[in-house]
Amino acid sequence: ALRARDYDSAAAFFREAVRAAPDRAAI
């Protein structure tokens, strides 16, 4: 989504990734 500049979708996916791995600073 980032490569496609679809930032709303990218942010939603990153939030989902945070929920899956809450201790990953890189995410």
Full PDB file with SEQRES, HELIX, SHEET, SSBOND, CRYST1, ORIGX, SCALE, CONECT and MASTER records, all heavy atoms in Angstrom:
SEQRES   1 A   27  ALA LEU ARG ALA ARG ASP TYR ASP SER ALA ALA ALA PHE          
SEQRES   2 A   27  PHE ARG GLU ALA VAL ARG ALA ALA PRO ASP ARG ALA ALA          
SEQRES   3 A   27  ILE                                                          
HELIX    1 AA1 TYR A    7  ALA A   20  1                                  14    
CRYST1    1.000    1.000    1.000  90.00  90.00  90.00 P 1           1          
ORIGX1      1.000000  0.000000  0.000000        0.00000                         
ORIGX2      0.000000  1.000000  0.000000        0.00000                         
ORIGX3      0.000000  0.000000  1.000000        0.00000                         
SCALE1      1.000000  0.000000  0.000000        0.00000                         
SCALE2      0.000000  1.000000  0.000000        0.00000                         
SCALE3      0.000000  0.000000  1.000000        0.00000                         
ATOM      1  N   ALA A   1       0.827  -1.209   0.000  1.00  0.00           N  
ATOM      2  CA  ALA A   1       0.000   0.000   0.000  1.00  0.00           C  
ATOM      3  C   ALA A   1       0.859   1.257   0.000  1.00  0.00           C  
ATOM      4  O   ALA A   1       0.522   2.249  -0.659  1.00  0.00           O  
ATOM      5  CB  ALA A   1      -0.936  -0.009   1.209  1.00  0.00           C  
ATOM      6  N   LEU A   2       1.980   1.213   0.725  1.00  0.00           N  
ATOM      7  CA  LEU A   2       2.896   2.365   0.710  1.00  0.00           C  
ATOM      8  C   LEU A   2       3.446   2.608  -0.685  1.00  0.00           C  
ATOM      9  O   LEU A   2       3.521   3.765  -1.141  1.00  0.00           O  
ATOM     10  CB  LEU A   2       4.055   2.127   1.683  1.00  0.00           C  
ATOM     11  CG  LEU A   2       3.839   2.443   3.149  1.00  0.00           C  
ATOM     12  CD1 LEU A   2       5.126   2.186   3.930  1.00  0.00           C  
ATOM     13  CD2 LEU A   2       3.402   3.901   3.347  1.00  0.00           C  
ATOM     14  N   ARG A   3       3.863   1.541  -1.343  1.00  0.00           N  
ATOM     15  CA  ARG A   3       4.399   1.706  -2.701  1.00  0.00           C  
ATOM     16  C   ARG A   3       3.351   2.289  -3.645  1.00  0.00           C  
ATOM     17  O   ARG A   3       3.678   3.040  -4.564  1.00  0.00           O  
ATOM     18  CB  ARG A   3       4.906   0.356  -3.225  1.00  0.00           C  
ATOM     19  CG  ARG A   3       6.189  -0.111  -2.552  1.00  0.00           C  
ATOM     20  CD  ARG A   3       6.783  -1.307  -3.290  1.00  0.00           C  
ATOM     21  NE  ARG A   3       5.945  -2.498  -3.181  1.00  0.00           N  
ATOM     22  CZ  ARG A   3       6.017  -3.395  -2.203  1.00  0.00           C  
ATOM     23  NH1 ARG A   3       6.899  -3.229  -1.223  1.00  0.00           N  
ATOM     24  NH2 ARG A   3       5.225  -4.453  -2.191  1.00  0.00           N  
ATOM     25  N   ALA A   4       2.097   1.957  -3.398  1.00  0.00           N  
ATOM     26  CA  ALA A   4       1.009   2.497  -4.224  1.00  0.00           C  
ATOM     27  C   ALA A   4       0.540   3.866  -3.738  1.00  0.00           C  
ATOM     28  O   ALA A   4      -0.396   4.430  -4.307  1.00  0.00           O  
ATOM     29  CB  ALA A   4      -0.164   1.515  -4.222  1.00  0.00           C  
ATOM     30  N   ARG A   5       1.179   4.369  -2.684  1.00  0.00           N  
ATOM     31  CA  ARG A   5       0.829   5.666  -2.068  1.00  0.00           C  
ATOM     32  C   ARG A   5      -0.617   5.678  -1.548  1.00  0.00           C  
ATOM     33  O   ARG A   5      -1.259   6.728  -1.501  1.00  0.00           O  
ATOM     34  CB  ARG A   5       1.059   6.814  -3.050  1.00  0.00           C  
ATOM     35  CG  ARG A   5       2.517   6.951  -3.455  1.00  0.00           C  
ATOM     36  CD  ARG A   5       2.773   8.188  -4.273  1.00  0.00           C  
ATOM     37  NE  ARG A   5       4.182   8.292  -4.635  1.00  0.00           N  
ATOM     38  CZ  ARG A   5       4.725   9.302  -5.302  1.00  0.00           C  
ATOM     39  NH1 ARG A   5       3.934  10.309  -5.708  1.00  0.00           N  
ATOM     40  NH2 ARG A   5       6.009   9.321  -5.580  1.00  0.00           N  
ATOM     41  N   ASP A   6      -1.089   4.526  -1.180  1.00  0.00           N  
ATOM     42  CA  ASP A   6      -2.400   4.412  -0.540  1.00  0.00           C  
ATOM     43  C   ASP A   6      -2.167   4.437   0.972  1.00  0.00           C  
ATOM     44  O   ASP A   6      -2.143   3.399   1.649  1.00  0.00           O  
ATOM     45  CB  ASP A   6      -3.081   3.106  -0.967  1.00  0.00           C  
ATOM     46  CG  ASP A   6      -4.484   2.954  -0.372  1.00  0.00           C  
ATOM     47  OD1 ASP A   6      -4.914   3.855   0.394  1.00  0.00           O  
ATOM     48  OD2 ASP A   6      -5.134   1.928  -0.642  1.00  0.00           O  
ATOM     49  N   TYR A   7      -1.990   5.640   1.498  1.00  0.00           N  
ATOM     50  CA  TYR A   7      -1.523   5.773   2.882  1.00  0.00           C  
ATOM     51  C   TYR A   7      -2.592   5.382   3.896  1.00  0.00           C  
ATOM     52  O   TYR A   7      -2.265   4.863   4.967  1.00  0.00           O  
ATOM     53  CB  TYR A   7      -1.043   7.204   3.128  1.00  0.00           C  
ATOM     54  CG  TYR A   7       0.100   7.597   2.221  1.00  0.00           C  
ATOM     55  CD1 TYR A   7       0.045   8.762   1.451  1.00  0.00           C  
ATOM     56  CD2 TYR A   7       1.227   6.791   2.120  1.00  0.00           C  
ATOM     57  CE1 TYR A   7       1.091   9.108   0.608  1.00  0.00           C  
ATOM     58  CE2 TYR A   7       2.280   7.130   1.276  1.00  0.00           C  
ATOM     59  CZ  TYR A   7       2.209   8.290   0.518  1.00  0.00           C  
ATOM     60  OH  TYR A   7       3.243   8.618  -0.317  1.00  0.00           O  
ATOM     61  N   ASP A   8      -3.850   5.624   3.574  1.00  0.00           N  
ATOM     62  CA  ASP A   8      -4.912   5.206   4.498  1.00  0.00           C  
ATOM     63  C   ASP A   8      -4.888   3.692   4.706  1.00  0.00           C  
ATOM     64  O   ASP A   8      -4.968   3.200   5.842  1.00  0.00           O  
ATOM     65  CB  ASP A   8      -6.279   5.636   3.981  1.00  0.00           C  
ATOM     66  CG  ASP A   8      -6.496   7.135   4.090  1.00  0.00           C  
ATOM     67  OD1 ASP A   8      -5.849   7.757   4.949  1.00  0.00           O  
ATOM     68  OD2 ASP A   8      -7.310   7.683   3.327  1.00  0.00           O  
ATOM     69  N   SER A   9      -4.781   2.941   3.602  1.00  0.00           N  
ATOM     70  CA  SER A   9      -4.730   1.484   3.714  1.00  0.00           C  
ATOM     71  C   SER A   9      -3.451   1.040   4.403  1.00  0.00           C  
ATOM     72  O   SER A   9      -3.466   0.117   5.236  1.00  0.00           O  
ATOM     73  CB  SER A   9      -4.825   0.842   2.327  1.00  0.00           C  
ATOM     74  OG  SER A   9      -6.075   1.130   1.731  1.00  0.00           O  
ATOM     75  N   ALA A  10      -2.330   1.691   4.067  1.00  0.00           N  
ATOM     76  CA  ALA A  10      -1.058   1.326   4.704  1.00  0.00           C  
ATOM     77  C   ALA A  10      -1.140   1.505   6.209  1.00  0.00           C  
ATOM     78  O   ALA A  10      -0.707   0.635   6.978  1.00  0.00           O  
ATOM     79  CB  ALA A  10       0.070   2.173   4.132  1.00  0.00           C  
ATOM     80  N   ALA A  11      -1.709   2.629   6.643  1.00  0.00           N  
ATOM     81  CA  ALA A  11      -1.834   2.878   8.084  1.00  0.00           C  
ATOM     82  C   ALA A  11      -2.713   1.821   8.744  1.00  0.00           C  
ATOM     83  O   ALA A  11      -2.402   1.329   9.844  1.00  0.00           O  
ATOM     84  CB  ALA A  11      -2.404   4.270   8.321  1.00  0.00           C  
ATOM     85  N   ALA A  12      -3.797   1.451   8.075  1.00  0.00           N  
ATOM     86  CA  ALA A  12      -4.689   0.421   8.633  1.00  0.00           C  
ATOM     87  C   ALA A  12      -3.952  -0.906   8.768  1.00  0.00           C  
ATOM     88  O   ALA A  12      -4.088  -1.610   9.791  1.00  0.00           O  
ATOM     89  CB  ALA A  12      -5.921   0.275   7.750  1.00  0.00           C  
ATOM     90  N   PHE A  13      -3.163  -1.262   7.759  1.00  0.00           N  
ATOM     91  CA  PHE A  13      -2.401  -2.518   7.838  1.00  0.00           C  
ATOM     92  C   PHE A  13      -1.333  -2.450   8.934  1.00  0.00           C  
ATOM     93  O   PHE A  13      -1.119  -3.427   9.661  1.00  0.00           O  
ATOM     94  CB  PHE A  13      -1.756  -2.831   6.486  1.00  0.00           C  
ATOM     95  CG  PHE A  13      -2.717  -3.336   5.443  1.00  0.00           C  
ATOM     96  CD1 PHE A  13      -2.805  -2.722   4.204  1.00  0.00           C  
ATOM     97  CD2 PHE A  13      -3.533  -4.429   5.711  1.00  0.00           C  
ATOM     98  CE1 PHE A  13      -3.693  -3.182   3.235  1.00  0.00           C  
ATOM     99  CE2 PHE A  13      -4.423  -4.904   4.752  1.00  0.00           C  
ATOM    100  CZ  PHE A  13      -4.502  -4.279   3.513  1.00  0.00           C  
ATOM    101  N   PHE A  14      -0.667  -1.318   9.048  1.00  0.00           N  
ATOM    102  CA  PHE A  14       0.342  -1.186  10.103  1.00  0.00           C  
ATOM    103  C   PHE A  14      -0.296  -1.272  11.493  1.00  0.00           C  
ATOM    104  O   PHE A  14       0.272  -1.857  12.411  1.00  0.00           O  
ATOM    105  CB  PHE A  14       1.111   0.131   9.960  1.00  0.00           C  
ATOM    106  CG  PHE A  14       2.199   0.100   8.927  1.00  0.00           C  
ATOM    107  CD1 PHE A  14       2.274   1.076   7.936  1.00  0.00           C  
ATOM    108  CD2 PHE A  14       3.170  -0.896   8.951  1.00  0.00           C  
ATOM    109  CE1 PHE A  14       3.287   1.051   6.987  1.00  0.00           C  
ATOM    110  CE2 PHE A  14       4.181  -0.929   7.997  1.00  0.00           C  
ATOM    111  CZ  PHE A  14       4.236   0.043   7.008  1.00  0.00           C  
ATOM    112  N   ARG A  15      -1.479  -0.684  11.655  1.00  0.00           N  
ATOM    113  CA  ARG A  15      -2.172  -0.795  12.952  1.00  0.00           C  
ATOM    114  C   ARG A  15      -2.499  -2.257  13.263  1.00  0.00           C  
ATOM    115  O   ARG A  15      -2.391  -2.706  14.412  1.00  0.00           O  
ATOM    116  CB  ARG A  15      -3.442   0.062  12.959  1.00  0.00           C  
ATOM    117  CG  ARG A  15      -3.165   1.559  13.025  1.00  0.00           C  
ATOM    118  CD  ARG A  15      -4.434   2.328  13.353  1.00  0.00           C  
ATOM    119  NE  ARG A  15      -5.433   2.228  12.305  1.00  0.00           N  
ATOM    120  CZ  ARG A  15      -5.552   3.078  11.285  1.00  0.00           C  
ATOM    121  NH1 ARG A  15      -4.707   4.099  11.179  1.00  0.00           N  
ATOM    122  NH2 ARG A  15      -6.521   2.927  10.381  1.00  0.00           N  
ATOM    123  N   GLU A  16      -2.887  -2.993  12.231  1.00  0.00           N  
ATOM    124  CA  GLU A  16      -3.162  -4.418  12.425  1.00  0.00           C  
ATOM    125  C   GLU A  16      -1.878  -5.154  12.805  1.00  0.00           C  
ATOM    126  O   GLU A  16      -1.882  -6.047  13.663  1.00  0.00           O  
ATOM    127  CB  GLU A  16      -3.769  -5.004  11.146  1.00  0.00           C  
ATOM    128  CG  GLU A  16      -4.247  -6.441  11.304  1.00  0.00           C  
ATOM    129  CD  GLU A  16      -4.935  -6.960  10.043  1.00  0.00           C  
ATOM    130  OE1 GLU A  16      -5.298  -6.136   9.176  1.00  0.00           O  
ATOM    131  OE2 GLU A  16      -5.083  -8.195   9.945  1.00  0.00           O  
ATOM    132  N   ALA A  17      -0.768  -4.766  12.177  1.00  0.00           N  
ATOM    133  CA  ALA A  17       0.522  -5.386  12.502  1.00  0.00           C  
ATOM    134  C   ALA A  17       0.936  -5.069  13.935  1.00  0.00           C  
ATOM    135  O   ALA A  17       1.518  -5.909  14.628  1.00  0.00           O  
ATOM    136  CB  ALA A  17       1.589  -4.902  11.523  1.00  0.00           C  
ATOM    137  N   VAL A  18       0.649  -3.855  14.394  1.00  0.00           N  
ATOM    138  CA  VAL A  18       0.948  -3.487  15.783  1.00  0.00           C  
ATOM    139  C   VAL A  18       0.175  -4.372  16.743  1.00  0.00           C  
ATOM    140  O   VAL A  18       0.706  -4.831  17.772  1.00  0.00           O  
ATOM    141  CB  VAL A  18       0.620  -1.994  16.024  1.00  0.00           C  
ATOM    142  CG1 VAL A  18       0.550  -1.680  17.515  1.00  0.00           C  
ATOM    143  CG2 VAL A  18       1.667  -1.104  15.357  1.00  0.00           C  
ATOM    144  N   ARG A  19      -1.083  -4.646  16.425  1.00  0.00           N  
ATOM    145  CA  ARG A  19      -1.870  -5.521  17.294  1.00  0.00           C  
ATOM    146  C   ARG A  19      -1.299  -6.945  17.302  1.00  0.00           C  
ATOM    147  O   ARG A  19      -1.336  -7.634  18.325  1.00  0.00           O  
ATOM    148  CB  ARG A  19      -3.337  -5.532  16.848  1.00  0.00           C  
ATOM    149  CG  ARG A  19      -4.063  -4.225  17.122  1.00  0.00           C  
ATOM    150  CD  ARG A  19      -5.560  -4.361  16.905  1.00  0.00           C  
ATOM    151  NE  ARG A  19      -5.912  -4.543  15.498  1.00  0.00           N  
ATOM    152  CZ  ARG A  19      -6.136  -3.549  14.643  1.00  0.00           C  
ATOM    153  NH1 ARG A  19      -6.049  -2.287  15.064  1.00  0.00           N  
ATOM    154  NH2 ARG A  19      -6.468  -3.800  13.380  1.00  0.00           N  
ATOM    155  N   ALA A  20      -0.757  -7.373  16.158  1.00  0.00           N  
ATOM    156  CA  ALA A  20      -0.193  -8.724  16.074  1.00  0.00           C  
ATOM    157  C   ALA A  20       1.162  -8.814  16.763  1.00  0.00           C  
ATOM    158  O   ALA A  20       1.512  -9.857  17.324  1.00  0.00           O  
ATOM    159  CB  ALA A  20      -0.059  -9.138  14.607  1.00  0.00           C  
ATOM    160  N   ALA A  21       1.939  -7.732  16.711  1.00  0.00           N  
ATOM    161  CA  ALA A  21       3.294  -7.731  17.298  1.00  0.00           C  
ATOM    162  C   ALA A  21       3.510  -6.405  18.034  1.00  0.00           C  
ATOM    163  O   ALA A  21       4.224  -5.520  17.551  1.00  0.00           O  
ATOM    164  CB  ALA A  21       4.340  -7.938  16.210  1.00  0.00           C  
ATOM    165  N   PRO A  22       2.892  -6.234  19.194  1.00  0.00           N  
ATOM    166  CA  PRO A  22       2.919  -4.929  19.878  1.00  0.00           C  
ATOM    167  C   PRO A  22       4.288  -4.491  20.387  1.00  0.00           C  
ATOM    168  O   PRO A  22       4.466  -3.323  20.700  1.00  0.00           O  
ATOM    169  CB  PRO A  22       1.941  -5.136  21.048  1.00  0.00           C  
ATOM    170  CG  PRO A  22       1.888  -6.612  21.258  1.00  0.00           C  
ATOM    171  CD  PRO A  22       2.083  -7.227  19.914  1.00  0.00           C  
ATOM    172  N   ASP A  23       5.254  -5.416  20.460  1.00  0.00           N  
ATOM    173  CA  ASP A  23       6.569  -5.060  21.007  1.00  0.00           C  
ATOM    174  C   ASP A  23       7.612  -4.800  19.932  1.00  0.00           C  
ATOM    175  O   ASP A  23       8.813  -4.760  20.223  1.00  0.00           O  
ATOM    176  CB  ASP A  23       7.059  -6.189  21.940  1.00  0.00           C  
ATOM    177  CG  ASP A  23       6.167  -6.341  23.159  1.00  0.00           C  
ATOM    178  OD1 ASP A  23       5.602  -5.325  23.600  1.00  0.00           O  
ATOM    179  OD2 ASP A  23       6.019  -7.479  23.657  1.00  0.00           O  
ATOM    180  N   ARG A  24       7.184  -4.595  18.703  1.00  0.00           N  
ATOM    181  CA  ARG A  24       8.129  -4.348  17.603  1.00  0.00           C  
ATOM    182  C   ARG A  24       8.199  -2.847  17.330  1.00  0.00           C  
ATOM    183  O   ARG A  24       7.281  -2.257  16.749  1.00  0.00           O  
ATOM    184  CB  ARG A  24       7.676  -5.099  16.348  1.00  0.00           C  
ATOM    185  CG  ARG A  24       7.637  -6.613  16.511  1.00  0.00           C  
ATOM    186  CD  ARG A  24       8.766  -7.287  15.786  1.00  0.00           C  
ATOM    187  NE  ARG A  24       8.613  -7.186  14.353  1.00  0.00           N  
ATOM    188  CZ  ARG A  24       7.901  -8.035  13.610  1.00  0.00           C  
ATOM    189  NH1 ARG A  24       7.229  -9.026  14.174  1.00  0.00           N  
ATOM    190  NH2 ARG A  24       7.853  -7.879  12.304  1.00  0.00           N  
ATOM    191  N   ALA A  25       9.303  -2.238  17.732  1.00  0.00           N  
ATOM    192  CA  ALA A  25       9.459  -0.792  17.549  1.00  0.00           C  
ATOM    193  C   ALA A  25       9.461  -0.414  16.075  1.00  0.00           C  
ATOM    194  O   ALA A  25       8.981   0.660  15.698  1.00  0.00           O  
ATOM    195  CB  ALA A  25      10.743  -0.320  18.220  1.00  0.00           C  
ATOM    196  N   ALA A  26      10.002  -1.266  15.220  1.00  0.00           N  
ATOM    197  CA  ALA A  26      10.103  -0.941  13.795  1.00  0.00           C  
ATOM    198  C   ALA A  26       8.731  -0.730  13.173  1.00  0.00           C  
ATOM    199  O   ALA A  26       8.547   0.146  12.317  1.00  0.00           O  
ATOM    200  CB  ALA A  26      10.847  -2.049  13.060  1.00  0.00           C  
ATOM    201  N   ILE A  27       7.750  -1.523  13.589  1.00  0.00           N  
ATOM    202  CA  ILE A  27       6.397  -1.366  13.039  1.00  0.00           C  
ATOM    203  C   ILE A  27       5.821  -0.024  13.484  1.00  0.00           C  
ATOM    204  O   ILE A  27       5.185   0.684  12.696  1.00  0.00           O  
ATOM    205  CB  ILE A  27       5.486  -2.525  13.490  1.00  0.00           C  
ATOM    206  CG1 ILE A  27       6.052  -3.855  13.015  1.00  0.00           C  
ATOM    207  CG2 ILE A  27       4.074  -2.333  12.950  1.00  0.00           C  
ATOM    208  CD1 ILE A  27       5.270  -5.063  13.512  1.00  0.00           C  
TER     209      ILE A  27                                                      
MASTER        0    0    0    1    0    0    0    6  208    1    0    3          
END                                                                             
